[in-house]
Amino acid sequence: MPTFAVVLPAAGQSSRFGPGEKKPFATLDGRAVWLRSAELFVNRKDVCQCVVVIAPADRDLFDIRYSANLAFMDVRVAPGGRERFESVANALALVKPEADFIAIHDAVRPCLAAEQIDAVFAAAAKDGAAILAVPVSDTVKRVGAGKKIEETLPRQGLWLAQTPQVFRRDWLEAAYARRGELGAAITDDAQLVEAASHPVKVVEGAATNLKITTAADLALAEAILKSRPKPKEKRPIHPFADEEMWR
């Protein structure tokens, strides 16, 4: 079985989220957003490590709040950089040698379903690189100055990238080593790996794999989580008990 390390970038400025907590640390149904995202991976048998990336300015408060969670879940912390690629590079330096693949998942996507992780991990293991994405369903407009429509774009073949984005470790590390020469306009890890001439498979995700961007997204994320069936409780087992009494 291939092994996966998971990087959770949480070092952004949260400029669109509004005043108060940054979005990874906001409370979602009783738990921090980043914590809910990390919990999706830490107990998987195919995941050998999780690394969360935190801005240096947030590190002291993060350690005070979540040191017990970090210890219990065995999550490592990497320092954030000036931009996202620098943050991920700092996390890559901490990945354990036994990881065959590296998955990068936004720390503010806490509604990812287990079957989506299964699918994108399996695709990456087969093809070397894979991401979750959803096909564009709305009409797409190119808008120019004065918010006037300049062009209506055909949506056939257009997909919206999500995370996790999962890559062979050697492909991703080599692409990061060359990221300066591969192009300054690259906006996500899949594009970086594409620029290094590796094919990336697309696995269909779901609209419920929401990325929390504004404070209003918290209410939607909470509704998504509460709509899912709760795991069944295990019945107590006693060797001398009548089975009927536990039904």
C-alpha atoms as a PDB file:
ATOM      1  CA  MET A   1       0.000   0.000   0.000  1.00  0.00           C
ATOM      2  CA  PRO A   2       1.427   3.426  -0.907  1.00  0.00           C
ATOM      3  CA  THR A   3       1.824   5.888   1.942  1.00  0.00           C
ATOM      4  CA  PHE A   4       0.712   9.513   1.882  1.00  0.00           C
ATOM      5  CA  ALA A   5       1.837  12.611   3.749  1.00  0.00           C
ATOM      6  CA  VAL A   6      -0.715  15.424   3.961  1.00  0.00           C
ATOM      7  CA  VAL A   7       0.166  19.132   3.969  1.00  0.00           C
ATOM      8  CA  LEU A   8      -2.484  21.546   5.283  1.00  0.00           C
ATOM      9  CA  PRO A   9      -1.650  25.180   4.385  1.00  0.00           C
ATOM     10  CA  ALA A  10      -3.197  27.529   6.979  1.00  0.00           C
ATOM     11  CA  ALA A  11      -0.874  30.532   6.797  1.00  0.00           C
ATOM     12  CA  GLY A  12      -2.936  32.901   4.662  1.00  0.00           C
ATOM     13  CA  GLN A  13      -4.068  36.382   5.640  1.00  0.00           C
ATOM     14  CA  SER A  14      -7.834  35.616   5.527  1.00  0.00           C
ATOM     15  CA  SER A  15      -8.381  39.117   4.138  1.00  0.00           C
ATOM     16  CA  ARG A  16     -11.878  38.326   2.789  1.00  0.00           C
ATOM     17  CA  PHE A  17     -13.044  36.568   5.928  1.00  0.00           C
ATOM     18  CA  GLY A  18     -13.673  39.708   7.934  1.00  0.00           C
ATOM     19  CA  PRO A  19     -12.541  40.941  11.366  1.00  0.00           C
ATOM     20  CA  GLY A  20     -11.738  38.620  14.239  1.00  0.00           C
ATOM     21  CA  GLU A  21     -10.343  35.093  13.929  1.00  0.00           C
ATOM     22  CA  LYS A  22      -8.552  33.987  10.795  1.00  0.00           C
ATOM     23  CA  LYS A  23     -10.655  31.432   8.941  1.00  0.00           C
ATOM     24  CA  PRO A  24      -8.567  28.312   9.804  1.00  0.00           C
ATOM     25  CA  PHE A  25      -9.057  29.073  13.501  1.00  0.00           C
ATOM     26  CA  ALA A  26     -12.745  30.006  13.354  1.00  0.00           C
ATOM     27  CA  THR A  27     -15.119  27.685  15.177  1.00  0.00           C
ATOM     28  CA  LEU A  28     -17.171  25.342  13.010  1.00  0.00           C
ATOM     29  CA  ASP A  29     -19.786  23.382  14.950  1.00  0.00           C
ATOM     30  CA  GLY A  30     -17.642  23.430  18.079  1.00  0.00           C
ATOM     31  CA  ARG A  31     -14.198  22.786  16.555  1.00  0.00           C
ATOM     32  CA  ALA A  32     -11.621  24.870  14.717  1.00  0.00           C
ATOM     33  CA  VAL A  33     -11.857  24.694  10.922  1.00  0.00           C
ATOM     34  CA  TRP A  34      -8.245  23.525  10.481  1.00  0.00           C
ATOM     35  CA  LEU A  35      -8.749  20.822  13.107  1.00  0.00           C
ATOM     36  CA  ARG A  36     -11.774  19.421  11.285  1.00  0.00           C
ATOM     37  CA  SER A  37      -9.709  19.293   8.095  1.00  0.00           C
ATOM     38  CA  ALA A  38      -6.799  17.529   9.805  1.00  0.00           C
ATOM     39  CA  GLU A  39      -9.132  14.975  11.379  1.00  0.00           C
ATOM     40  CA  LEU A  40     -10.129  13.809   7.902  1.00  0.00           C
ATOM     41  CA  PHE A  41      -6.648  12.322   7.450  1.00  0.00           C
ATOM     42  CA  VAL A  42      -4.928  11.541  10.745  1.00  0.00           C
ATOM     43  CA  ASN A  43      -6.606   8.172  11.347  1.00  0.00           C
ATOM     44  CA  ARG A  44      -6.279   6.827   7.818  1.00  0.00           C
ATOM     45  CA  LYS A  45      -4.038   3.760   7.561  1.00  0.00           C
ATOM     46  CA  ASP A  46      -2.497   5.056   4.325  1.00  0.00           C
ATOM     47  CA  VAL A  47      -1.497   8.431   5.845  1.00  0.00           C
ATOM     48  CA  CYS A  48       1.863   8.424   7.615  1.00  0.00           C
ATOM     49  CA  GLN A  49       2.011  12.115   8.530  1.00  0.00           C
ATOM     50  CA  CYS A  50       0.134  15.417   8.586  1.00  0.00           C
ATOM     51  CA  VAL A  51       1.886  18.807   8.494  1.00  0.00           C
ATOM     52  CA  VAL A  52      -0.021  22.038   9.110  1.00  0.00           C
ATOM     53  CA  VAL A  53       1.510  25.326   7.930  1.00  0.00           C
ATOM     54  CA  ILE A  54       1.031  28.325  10.252  1.00  0.00           C
ATOM     55  CA  ALA A  55       2.095  31.957   9.813  1.00  0.00           C
ATOM     56  CA  PRO A  56       4.931  32.822  12.224  1.00  0.00           C
ATOM     57  CA  ALA A  57       2.812  35.641  13.693  1.00  0.00           C
ATOM     58  CA  ASP A  58       0.152  33.078  14.686  1.00  0.00           C
ATOM     59  CA  ARG A  59       2.477  30.404  16.051  1.00  0.00           C
ATOM     60  CA  ASP A  60       2.470  31.304  19.746  1.00  0.00           C
ATOM     61  CA  LEU A  61      -1.316  31.512  19.958  1.00  0.00           C
ATOM     62  CA  PHE A  62      -1.637  28.350  17.873  1.00  0.00           C
ATOM     63  CA  ASP A  63       0.617  26.411  20.224  1.00  0.00           C
ATOM     64  CA  ILE A  64      -1.277  27.632  23.292  1.00  0.00           C
ATOM     65  CA  ARG A  65      -4.647  26.687  21.859  1.00  0.00           C
ATOM     66  CA  TYR A  66      -3.855  23.459  20.071  1.00  0.00           C
ATOM     67  CA  SER A  67      -0.740  21.919  21.626  1.00  0.00           C
ATOM     68  CA  ALA A  68      -2.795  19.038  23.066  1.00  0.00           C
ATOM     69  CA  ASN A  69      -4.434  18.373  19.696  1.00  0.00           C
ATOM     70  CA  LEU A  70      -1.066  18.452  17.928  1.00  0.00           C
ATOM     71  CA  ALA A  71       0.428  15.963  20.362  1.00  0.00           C
ATOM     72  CA  PHE A  72      -2.570  13.624  20.347  1.00  0.00           C
ATOM     73  CA  MET A  73      -2.869  13.591  16.543  1.00  0.00           C
ATOM     74  CA  ASP A  74       0.922  13.676  15.960  1.00  0.00           C
ATOM     75  CA  VAL A  75       0.647  16.686  13.626  1.00  0.00           C
ATOM     76  CA  ARG A  76       3.793  18.654  12.831  1.00  0.00           C
ATOM     77  CA  VAL A  77       3.857  22.419  12.303  1.00  0.00           C
ATOM     78  CA  ALA A  78       5.759  24.191   9.520  1.00  0.00           C
ATOM     79  CA  PRO A  79       6.321  27.965   9.326  1.00  0.00           C
ATOM     80  CA  GLY A  80       4.423  29.855   6.660  1.00  0.00           C
ATOM     81  CA  GLY A  81       6.245  31.914   4.076  1.00  0.00           C
ATOM     82  CA  ARG A  82       5.511  35.142   2.259  1.00  0.00           C
ATOM     83  CA  GLU A  83       3.487  33.270  -0.358  1.00  0.00           C
ATOM     84  CA  ARG A  84       1.719  29.922  -0.529  1.00  0.00           C
ATOM     85  CA  PHE A  85       4.440  28.157  -2.518  1.00  0.00           C
ATOM     86  CA  GLU A  86       7.034  29.105   0.085  1.00  0.00           C
ATOM     87  CA  SER A  87       4.737  27.780   2.810  1.00  0.00           C
ATOM     88  CA  VAL A  88       4.294  24.435   1.068  1.00  0.00           C
ATOM     89  CA  ALA A  89       8.055  24.217   0.433  1.00  0.00           C
ATOM     90  CA  ASN A  90       8.649  24.630   4.173  1.00  0.00           C
ATOM     91  CA  ALA A  91       6.234  21.774   4.839  1.00  0.00           C
ATOM     92  CA  LEU A  92       7.873  19.525   2.243  1.00  0.00           C
ATOM     93  CA  ALA A  93      11.134  19.821   4.152  1.00  0.00           C
ATOM     94  CA  LEU A  94       9.454  18.130   7.140  1.00  0.00           C
ATOM     95  CA  VAL A  95       7.861  15.196   5.308  1.00  0.00           C
ATOM     96  CA  LYS A  96       8.932  11.772   6.535  1.00  0.00           C
ATOM     97  CA  PRO A  97      11.132   9.660   4.238  1.00  0.00           C
ATOM     98  CA  GLU A  98       8.558   6.852   4.076  1.00  0.00           C
ATOM     99  CA  ALA A  99       5.932   8.988   2.298  1.00  0.00           C
ATOM    100  CA  ASP A 100       5.506   7.899  -1.329  1.00  0.00           C
ATOM    101  CA  PHE A 101       2.938  10.572  -2.186  1.00  0.00           C
ATOM    102  CA  ILE A 102       2.205  14.048  -0.900  1.00  0.00           C
ATOM    103  CA  ALA A 103      -1.332  15.419  -0.701  1.00  0.00           C
ATOM    104  CA  ILE A 104      -1.899  19.141  -0.326  1.00  0.00           C
ATOM    105  CA  HIS A 105      -5.290  20.040   1.107  1.00  0.00           C
ATOM    106  CA  ASP A 106      -6.594  23.490   1.990  1.00  0.00           C
ATOM    107  CA  ALA A 107      -6.953  23.693   5.765  1.00  0.00           C
ATOM    108  CA  VAL A 108     -10.202  25.580   5.154  1.00  0.00           C
ATOM    109  CA  ARG A 109     -11.936  22.727   3.290  1.00  0.00           C
ATOM    110  CA  PRO A 110     -13.367  20.840   6.286  1.00  0.00           C
ATOM    111  CA  CYS A 111     -16.325  19.204   4.472  1.00  0.00           C
ATOM    112  CA  LEU A 112     -14.325  16.792   2.322  1.00  0.00           C
ATOM    113  CA  ALA A 113     -15.871  13.311   2.311  1.00  0.00           C
ATOM    114  CA  ALA A 114     -13.894  10.124   2.964  1.00  0.00           C
ATOM    115  CA  GLU A 115     -14.916   8.607  -0.371  1.00  0.00           C
ATOM    116  CA  GLN A 116     -13.462  11.630  -2.176  1.00  0.00           C
ATOM    117  CA  ILE A 117     -10.142  11.106  -0.393  1.00  0.00           C
ATOM    118  CA  ASP A 118     -10.235   7.416  -1.339  1.00  0.00           C
ATOM    119  CA  ALA A 119     -10.861   8.264  -5.001  1.00  0.00           C
ATOM    120  CA  VAL A 120      -8.176  10.920  -5.423  1.00  0.00           C
ATOM    121  CA  PHE A 121      -5.586   8.881  -3.483  1.00  0.00           C
ATOM    122  CA  ALA A 122      -6.287   5.851  -5.678  1.00  0.00           C
ATOM    123  CA  ALA A 123      -6.028   7.916  -8.880  1.00  0.00           C
ATOM    124  CA  ALA A 124      -2.710   9.428  -7.781  1.00  0.00           C
ATOM    125  CA  ALA A 125      -1.344   6.003  -6.869  1.00  0.00           C
ATOM    126  CA  LYS A 126      -2.268   4.755 -10.357  1.00  0.00           C
ATOM    127  CA  ASP A 127      -1.341   7.774 -12.495  1.00  0.00           C
ATOM    128  CA  GLY A 128       1.231   9.658 -10.412  1.00  0.00           C
ATOM    129  CA  ALA A 129      -0.793  12.827  -9.841  1.00  0.00           C
ATOM    130  CA  ALA A 130      -4.477  13.602  -9.317  1.00  0.00           C
ATOM    131  CA  ILE A 131      -6.710  16.373  -8.041  1.00  0.00           C
ATOM    132  CA  LEU A 132     -10.339  16.766  -7.108  1.00  0.00           C
ATOM    133  CA  ALA A 133     -12.310  19.154  -9.313  1.00  0.00           C
ATOM    134  CA  VAL A 134     -15.894  19.877 -10.323  1.00  0.00           C
ATOM    135  CA  PRO A 135     -17.132  20.698 -13.837  1.00  0.00           C
ATOM    136  CA  VAL A 136     -18.284  24.254 -14.418  1.00  0.00           C
ATOM    137  CA  SER A 137     -22.087  24.282 -14.623  1.00  0.00           C
ATOM    138  CA  ASP A 138     -22.824  28.019 -14.841  1.00  0.00           C
ATOM    139  CA  THR A 139     -22.323  30.305 -17.838  1.00  0.00           C
ATOM    140  CA  VAL A 140     -18.902  31.945 -17.652  1.00  0.00           C
ATOM    141  CA  LYS A 141     -18.450  35.636 -18.474  1.00  0.00           C
ATOM    142  CA  ARG A 142     -15.227  37.557 -18.977  1.00  0.00           C
ATOM    143  CA  VAL A 143     -15.766  40.977 -17.390  1.00  0.00           C
ATOM    144  CA  GLY A 144     -13.709  44.059 -18.098  1.00  0.00           C
ATOM    145  CA  ALA A 145     -13.516  47.657 -16.930  1.00  0.00           C
ATOM    146  CA  GLY A 146     -16.684  49.077 -15.449  1.00  0.00           C
ATOM    147  CA  LYS A 147     -17.900  45.532 -14.799  1.00  0.00           C
ATOM    148  CA  LYS A 148     -19.099  45.184 -18.370  1.00  0.00           C
ATOM    149  CA  ILE A 149     -19.190  41.792 -20.072  1.00  0.00           C
ATOM    150  CA  GLU A 150     -16.511  41.448 -22.731  1.00  0.00           C
ATOM    151  CA  GLU A 151     -17.020  37.817 -23.694  1.00  0.00           C
ATOM    152  CA  THR A 152     -19.045  34.705 -22.891  1.00  0.00           C
ATOM    153  CA  LEU A 153     -16.738  31.716 -22.626  1.00  0.00           C
ATOM    154  CA  PRO A 154     -17.704  28.161 -23.588  1.00  0.00           C
ATOM    155  CA  ARG A 155     -17.809  26.094 -20.403  1.00  0.00           C
ATOM    156  CA  GLN A 156     -17.254  22.725 -22.081  1.00  0.00           C
ATOM    157  CA  GLY A 157     -14.135  21.145 -20.633  1.00  0.00           C
ATOM    158  CA  LEU A 158     -13.798  23.716 -17.825  1.00  0.00           C
ATOM    159  CA  TRP A 159     -13.398  22.415 -14.277  1.00  0.00           C
ATOM    160  CA  LEU A 160     -12.947  24.159 -10.923  1.00  0.00           C
ATOM    161  CA  ALA A 161      -9.939  22.807  -9.055  1.00  0.00           C
ATOM    162  CA  GLN A 162     -10.361  21.654  -5.469  1.00  0.00           C
ATOM    163  CA  THR A 163      -8.135  19.876  -2.996  1.00  0.00           C
ATOM    164  CA  PRO A 164      -6.672  17.436  -2.100  1.00  0.00           C
ATOM    165  CA  GLN A 165      -4.127  17.658  -4.875  1.00  0.00           C
ATOM    166  CA  VAL A 166      -1.974  14.535  -4.676  1.00  0.00           C
ATOM    167  CA  PHE A 167       1.388  13.849  -6.316  1.00  0.00           C
ATOM    168  CA  ARG A 168       4.216  11.390  -6.430  1.00  0.00           C
ATOM    169  CA  ARG A 169       6.715  12.724  -3.956  1.00  0.00           C
ATOM    170  CA  ASP A 170       9.596  12.821  -6.436  1.00  0.00           C
ATOM    171  CA  TRP A 171       7.482  14.698  -9.011  1.00  0.00           C
ATOM    172  CA  LEU A 172       6.360  17.325  -6.526  1.00  0.00           C
ATOM    173  CA  GLU A 173       9.761  17.858  -4.916  1.00  0.00           C
ATOM    174  CA  ALA A 174      11.451  18.181  -8.303  1.00  0.00           C
ATOM    175  CA  ALA A 175       8.791  20.653  -9.474  1.00  0.00           C
ATOM    176  CA  TYR A 176       9.268  22.745  -6.340  1.00  0.00           C
ATOM    177  CA  ALA A 177      13.017  22.738  -6.853  1.00  0.00           C
ATOM    178  CA  ARG A 178      12.372  24.288 -10.292  1.00  0.00           C
ATOM    179  CA  ARG A 179       9.453  26.545  -9.403  1.00  0.00           C
ATOM    180  CA  GLY A 180      11.451  29.717 -10.131  1.00  0.00           C
ATOM    181  CA  GLU A 181      12.012  28.692 -13.746  1.00  0.00           C
ATOM    182  CA  LEU A 182       8.576  27.114 -14.316  1.00  0.00           C
ATOM    183  CA  GLY A 183       6.723  30.428 -14.158  1.00  0.00           C
ATOM    184  CA  ALA A 184       5.635  33.161 -11.774  1.00  0.00           C
ATOM    185  CA  ALA A 185       1.979  33.005 -12.866  1.00  0.00           C
ATOM    186  CA  ILE A 186       1.425  29.498 -11.484  1.00  0.00           C
ATOM    187  CA  THR A 187      -1.434  29.506  -8.976  1.00  0.00           C
ATOM    188  CA  ASP A 188      -1.670  25.959  -7.619  1.00  0.00           C
ATOM    189  CA  ASP A 189       0.420  22.848  -7.139  1.00  0.00           C
ATOM    190  CA  ALA A 190      -1.211  20.938  -9.990  1.00  0.00           C
ATOM    191  CA  GLN A 191      -0.261  23.697 -12.422  1.00  0.00           C
ATOM    192  CA  LEU A 192       3.318  23.539 -11.145  1.00  0.00           C
ATOM    193  CA  VAL A 193       3.477  19.787 -11.717  1.00  0.00           C
ATOM    194  CA  GLU A 194       1.863  20.252 -15.160  1.00  0.00           C
ATOM    195  CA  ALA A 195       4.548  22.824 -16.010  1.00  0.00           C
ATOM    196  CA  ALA A 196       7.139  20.178 -15.132  1.00  0.00           C
ATOM    197  CA  SER A 197       5.607  18.010 -17.933  1.00  0.00           C
ATOM    198  CA  HIS A 198       3.744  15.511 -15.740  1.00  0.00           C
ATOM    199  CA  PRO A 199       0.105  14.610 -16.513  1.00  0.00           C
ATOM    200  CA  VAL A 200      -2.415  15.240 -13.727  1.00  0.00           C
ATOM    201  CA  LYS A 201      -5.612  13.184 -13.522  1.00  0.00           C
ATOM    202  CA  VAL A 202      -8.888  14.896 -12.595  1.00  0.00           C
ATOM    203  CA  VAL A 203     -11.232  13.094 -10.180  1.00  0.00           C
ATOM    204  CA  GLU A 204     -14.720  14.514  -9.902  1.00  0.00           C
ATOM    205  CA  GLY A 205     -15.288  16.080  -6.509  1.00  0.00           C
ATOM    206  CA  ALA A 206     -18.421  17.662  -5.094  1.00  0.00           C
ATOM    207  CA  ALA A 207     -19.801  21.121  -4.459  1.00  0.00           C
ATOM    208  CA  THR A 208     -19.978  20.177  -0.776  1.00  0.00           C
ATOM    209  CA  ASN A 209     -16.153  20.197  -0.657  1.00  0.00           C
ATOM    210  CA  LEU A 210     -16.501  23.853   0.211  1.00  0.00           C
ATOM    211  CA  LYS A 211     -13.546  26.196   0.644  1.00  0.00           C
ATOM    212  CA  ILE A 212     -14.336  28.627   3.444  1.00  0.00           C
ATOM    213  CA  THR A 213     -13.540  32.112   2.167  1.00  0.00           C
ATOM    214  CA  THR A 214     -16.015  34.446   3.875  1.00  0.00           C
ATOM    215  CA  ALA A 215     -17.727  34.322   7.257  1.00  0.00           C
ATOM    216  CA  ALA A 216     -20.995  33.391   5.509  1.00  0.00           C
ATOM    217  CA  ASP A 217     -19.367  30.148   4.332  1.00  0.00           C
ATOM    218  CA  LEU A 218     -19.198  28.928   7.929  1.00  0.00           C
ATOM    219  CA  ALA A 219     -22.976  28.601   8.134  1.00  0.00           C
ATOM    220  CA  LEU A 220     -23.041  26.668   4.853  1.00  0.00           C
ATOM    221  CA  ALA A 221     -20.227  24.370   6.016  1.00  0.00           C
ATOM    222  CA  GLU A 222     -22.061  23.698   9.284  1.00  0.00           C
ATOM    223  CA  ALA A 223     -25.215  22.795   7.358  1.00  0.00           C
ATOM    224  CA  ILE A 224     -23.233  20.386   5.176  1.00  0.00           C
ATOM    225  CA  LEU A 225     -21.673  18.673   8.189  1.00  0.00           C
ATOM    226  CA  LYS A 226     -24.985  18.373  10.036  1.00  0.00           C
ATOM    227  CA  SER A 227     -26.706  16.913   6.964  1.00  0.00           C
ATOM    228  CA  ARG A 228     -24.420  13.892   6.942  1.00  0.00           C
ATOM    229  CA  PRO A 229     -25.447  10.723   8.781  1.00  0.00           C
ATOM    230  CA  LYS A 230     -23.775  10.272  12.130  1.00  0.00           C
ATOM    231  CA  PRO A 231     -21.599   7.161  12.528  1.00  0.00           C
ATOM    232  CA  LYS A 232     -23.391   4.279  14.171  1.00  0.00           C
ATOM    233  CA  GLU A 233     -22.549   3.684  17.807  1.00  0.00           C
ATOM    234  CA  LYS A 234     -21.049   0.310  18.591  1.00  0.00           C
ATOM    235  CA  ARG A 235     -23.180  -1.848  20.856  1.00  0.00           C
ATOM    236  CA  PRO A 236     -21.550  -3.094  24.049  1.00  0.00           C
ATOM    237  CA  ILE A 237     -20.515  -6.725  23.894  1.00  0.00           C
ATOM    238  CA  HIS A 238     -20.772  -9.049  26.889  1.00  0.00           C
ATOM    239  CA  PRO A 239     -20.133 -12.781  26.595  1.00  0.00           C
ATOM    240  CA  PHE A 240     -23.074 -13.683  28.872  1.00  0.00           C
ATOM    241  CA  ALA A 241     -25.544 -11.083  27.689  1.00  0.00           C
ATOM    242  CA  ASP A 242     -28.722 -11.920  25.856  1.00  0.00           C
ATOM    243  CA  GLU A 243     -28.399 -10.387  22.415  1.00  0.00           C
ATOM    244  CA  GLU A 244     -31.955  -9.111  22.604  1.00  0.00           C
ATOM    245  CA  MET A 245     -31.153  -6.723  25.426  1.00  0.00           C
ATOM    246  CA  TRP A 246     -28.731  -4.800  23.225  1.00  0.00           C
ATOM    247  CA  ARG A 247     -31.127  -4.301  20.319  1.00  0.00           C
END
